[in-house]
Protein backbone atom coordinates (compact mmCIF):
# COMPACT_ATOMS: atom_id res chain seq x y z
CA MET A 1 102.95 86.34 170.11
CA LEU A 2 103.37 89.40 172.14
CA ARG A 3 99.50 90.72 171.31
CA ARG A 4 98.00 86.74 171.74
CA ALA A 5 99.65 87.52 175.81
CA GLN A 6 98.71 91.20 175.61
CA ALA A 7 95.14 89.18 174.51
CA ALA A 8 94.94 87.34 177.30
CA ALA A 9 96.06 89.71 179.90
CA THR A 10 93.28 91.34 178.94
CA GLY A 11 91.06 89.59 178.46
CA PRO A 12 88.72 89.08 175.44
CA ASP A 13 86.66 92.05 175.90
CA ARG A 14 89.38 94.15 175.27
CA PRO A 15 89.04 97.13 172.38
CA LEU A 16 90.65 96.22 169.23
CA ALA A 17 93.27 98.68 168.80
CA ALA A 18 95.10 99.87 164.86
CA GLU A 19 97.49 97.18 164.83
CA ASP A 20 94.91 95.02 165.77
CA LEU A 21 93.49 95.08 161.89
CA HIS A 22 95.51 93.68 158.68
CA LEU A 23 95.12 93.84 155.68
CA GLN A 24 96.88 91.52 153.19
CA VAL A 25 96.50 93.35 149.49
CA ARG A 26 97.75 91.57 146.36
CA TYR A 27 99.20 93.68 143.83
CA ARG A 28 99.01 92.57 140.15
CA PRO A 29 100.36 94.76 137.51
CA GLY A 30 97.69 95.17 134.39
CA ARG A 31 99.35 93.15 131.38
CA ARG A 32 99.70 95.77 129.15
CA LEU A 33 98.61 95.45 125.74
CA VAL A 34 99.57 97.09 122.51
CA VAL A 35 97.49 97.29 119.52
CA PHE A 36 99.03 98.59 116.25
CA VAL A 37 96.68 100.50 113.46
CA ILE A 38 99.31 99.57 110.48
CA ASP A 39 97.92 101.47 107.37
CA THR A 40 99.16 99.23 103.75
CA SER A 41 96.96 101.30 101.70
CA ASP A 42 98.39 102.12 98.15
CA SER A 43 99.10 105.94 99.31
CA MET A 44 102.00 103.59 101.98
CA GLY A 45 104.01 101.88 99.29
CA ASP A 46 104.58 105.95 97.36
CA GLY A 47 107.80 107.42 97.73
CA PRO A 48 110.88 106.14 100.42
CA THR A 49 110.28 102.33 101.60
CA ALA A 50 111.48 103.96 105.19
CA ARG A 51 107.40 104.32 105.94
CA ILE A 52 106.22 100.91 105.75
CA THR A 53 109.56 99.38 106.96
CA ALA A 54 109.35 101.65 109.43
CA ALA A 55 106.30 101.24 111.07
CA LEU A 56 106.16 97.34 110.59
CA GLY A 57 110.12 97.46 112.35
CA ALA A 58 108.67 99.35 115.66
CA SER A 59 105.56 96.41 115.76
CA LEU A 60 108.53 93.49 115.84
CA THR A 61 110.34 95.50 118.56
CA LEU A 62 107.80 95.95 120.52
CA ALA A 63 106.85 92.38 120.22
CA SER A 64 110.34 91.43 121.70
CA ARG A 65 110.29 93.44 124.00
CA ALA A 66 106.61 92.51 125.07
CA TYR A 67 107.93 88.54 125.37
CA LEU A 68 110.78 89.71 127.54
CA ASN A 69 108.11 91.83 129.63
CA ARG A 70 105.03 89.52 129.38
CA ASP A 71 103.20 91.76 127.51
CA GLN A 72 100.81 90.92 124.63
CA VAL A 73 101.52 92.83 121.23
CA CYS A 74 97.70 93.21 118.37
CA LEU A 75 98.26 93.52 114.84
CA ILE A 76 96.35 95.51 112.72
CA THR A 77 96.16 96.26 109.42
CA PHE A 78 93.53 98.25 107.12
CA ARG A 79 93.91 98.37 102.90
CA ASP A 80 91.51 98.11 99.98
CA GLN A 81 87.85 98.07 101.51
CA THR A 82 88.85 96.90 105.14
CA ALA A 83 90.59 96.25 107.57
CA ARG A 84 92.42 93.46 109.12
CA LEU A 85 93.38 91.59 112.33
CA VAL A 86 96.33 89.91 110.96
CA VAL A 87 98.30 88.99 114.86
CA SER A 88 95.47 88.38 117.64
CA PRO A 89 97.38 89.54 121.65
CA THR A 90 100.20 87.86 121.28
CA ALA A 91 103.65 87.57 123.25
CA SER A 92 104.96 85.64 120.26
CA VAL A 93 108.15 87.66 118.28
CA ALA A 94 107.78 83.73 115.60
CA LEU A 95 103.87 85.13 115.27
CA VAL A 96 104.17 88.88 114.35
CA ARG A 97 107.00 88.77 112.29
CA GLN A 98 106.18 85.62 110.48
CA GLU A 99 102.76 87.26 109.73
CA MET A 100 104.78 90.77 108.67
CA GLN A 101 106.79 89.21 105.91
CA HIS A 102 103.40 88.33 104.29
CA LEU A 103 101.19 91.83 104.54
CA PRO A 104 100.27 92.89 101.22
CA VAL A 105 100.22 97.09 100.58
CA GLY A 106 98.12 98.37 97.73
CA GLY A 107 94.47 99.73 97.82
CA ALA A 108 92.01 102.26 98.24
CA THR A 109 92.51 103.83 102.50
CA PRO A 110 89.82 102.60 104.91
CA LEU A 111 91.16 104.05 108.16
CA ALA A 112 87.60 104.26 109.83
CA ALA A 113 87.75 100.54 109.74
CA GLY A 114 91.42 101.08 111.79
CA LEU A 115 90.14 102.47 113.75
CA GLN A 116 86.65 100.17 113.98
CA LYS A 117 88.46 96.90 114.46
CA ALA A 118 90.62 98.11 117.29
CA ARG A 119 88.02 99.35 119.34
CA GLU A 120 87.01 96.12 118.70
CA VAL A 121 89.72 93.82 119.71
CA ILE A 122 90.47 96.54 123.04
CA ARG A 123 87.09 95.82 123.85
CA GLN A 124 86.81 92.83 124.11
CA ALA A 125 90.71 92.70 125.69
CA ARG A 126 88.96 94.92 128.16
CA LEU A 127 86.13 92.17 129.06
CA LYS A 128 88.48 89.08 129.80
CA ASP A 129 90.77 91.23 131.66
CA GLN A 130 89.80 94.60 133.39
CA GLY A 131 93.05 95.36 134.27
CA VAL A 132 94.42 95.28 130.84
CA ALA A 133 96.03 98.48 129.92
CA PRO A 134 96.04 99.02 126.02
CA LEU A 135 96.94 101.68 123.75
CA LEU A 136 96.41 102.49 120.89
CA VAL A 137 99.63 103.25 118.22
CA LEU A 138 97.99 104.62 114.41
CA ILE A 139 100.86 104.80 111.62
CA SER A 140 99.36 106.22 109.09
CA ASP A 141 99.60 108.96 106.33
CA GLY A 142 96.32 110.03 107.33
CA GLU A 143 94.93 109.98 104.07
CA ALA A 144 91.46 108.03 104.30
CA THR A 145 89.61 107.50 101.17
CA VAL A 146 86.56 104.30 101.86
CA PRO A 147 84.32 104.96 105.00
CA LEU A 148 82.52 101.99 107.15
CA ASP A 149 78.97 103.27 106.31
CA PRO A 150 78.16 104.03 102.48
CA GLY A 151 77.66 107.81 101.30
CA ALA A 152 79.35 108.59 104.50
CA GLU A 153 82.21 110.88 104.29
CA PRO A 154 85.74 109.40 105.02
CA ASN A 155 86.99 112.06 106.95
CA ALA A 156 84.33 112.66 109.58
CA GLU A 157 83.90 108.70 110.28
CA ALA A 158 87.90 108.46 111.23
CA LEU A 159 87.33 111.69 112.55
CA ALA A 160 83.84 110.43 115.40
CA LEU A 161 85.72 107.05 115.59
CA ALA A 162 88.64 108.79 117.29
CA LYS A 163 86.15 110.85 119.27
CA ARG A 164 84.29 107.73 121.03
CA ILE A 165 87.86 106.74 122.03
CA TYR A 166 88.73 109.45 123.45
CA GLN A 167 86.20 109.13 125.29
CA GLU A 168 87.01 105.22 125.80
CA LYS A 169 89.58 106.39 127.74
CA ILE A 170 91.76 104.94 125.01
CA PRO A 171 95.33 105.66 124.67
CA ALA A 172 96.87 105.93 121.78
CA LEU A 173 100.13 107.42 120.06
CA LEU A 174 100.21 108.94 116.30
CA ILE A 175 102.92 108.20 113.57
CA ASP A 176 102.49 109.72 110.25
CA THR A 177 104.26 108.99 107.04
CA LEU A 178 103.07 111.61 105.04
CA GLU A 179 106.60 112.07 103.21
CA SER A 180 106.01 116.24 102.78
CA ARG A 181 105.35 118.15 106.19
CA LYS A 182 103.89 120.75 103.52
CA HIS A 183 100.92 118.04 102.34
CA LYS A 184 98.00 118.63 105.79
CA ASN A 185 96.10 115.24 106.46
CA LEU A 186 93.91 114.20 108.84
CA MET A 187 96.62 113.03 110.99
CA PRO A 188 97.11 115.98 113.40
CA GLN A 189 93.36 116.21 113.48
CA LEU A 190 92.75 113.12 114.85
CA ALA A 191 96.04 113.08 117.44
CA ARG A 192 93.54 116.44 118.52
CA ALA A 193 89.98 114.50 118.86
CA LEU A 194 92.62 111.93 120.98
CA GLY A 195 94.31 114.59 123.31
CA VAL A 196 97.41 113.05 121.89
CA GLU A 197 100.85 114.62 119.69
CA CYS A 198 100.61 113.48 116.23
CA ARG A 199 104.80 112.55 116.09
CA HIS A 200 106.25 112.26 112.22
CA ILE A 201 108.10 108.89 111.12
CA HIS A 202 110.40 110.37 109.70
CA ASP A 203 112.25 112.36 112.59
CA LEU A 204 111.75 108.35 113.83
CA ARG A 205 113.87 105.56 114.56
CA SER A 206 112.28 102.50 115.70
CA GLU A 207 113.92 102.53 119.12
CA GLN A 208 112.76 106.20 119.67
CA VAL A 209 109.14 104.12 118.60
CA LEU A 210 108.95 101.99 121.08
CA HIS A 211 110.32 104.71 123.97
CA LEU A 212 107.81 106.38 122.74
CA ILE A 213 105.50 103.59 123.52
CA GLU A 214 106.89 102.99 126.99
CA GLN A 215 106.01 106.74 127.71
CA SER A 216 102.48 107.14 126.85
CA GLY A 217 99.96 106.74 128.96
CA PRO A 218 96.03 107.14 129.77
CA THR A 219 95.34 110.75 128.08
CA GLN A 220 93.51 113.80 129.73
CA SER A 221 90.81 115.80 129.25
CA PRO A 222 92.03 119.03 127.28
């Protein structure tokens, strides 16, 4: 009312002042999408069952939290010769739990296929919603044995894909499940290619994995 009175008093030719300009901004936070890429190959079935149990337990914990936060979780597994999208992006705890009860374990380790499948899912999610905030969570023992392309070297192929994922600004969290730290695997190299730190699953409980996921954000250039 005061501004209208002033306008009437000064006439239509009065110059605009800063307080005359108003911009209404509607903020909608980006939808969180956590893409779990879980190794279910034969080597994950060796040794303590805590490896695969912790991996799947972390996924279920996150799915429960996603339901409350209206975030989404996606589950990809890789084994034998290929990767499989087990659960498309969803906030349904029941669906994730149901699928996890029937996951087969065994076969070779197509690590590159798992990374490629995650990349495809995130690309599709970004096309549908430019504001989506993805996070790739790889849980594996890092023993790549099957390439995407026949004749390619599995480790080199997986590292090349990790570099592309980094270039596409996809944040990542890597959790190494190898039982003995004395043996070297690909996980530390993948972590460097992705610009992140590699964690070890035997140092983590499901709640700690969830905390790491919540704290993970966009990587910075090394």
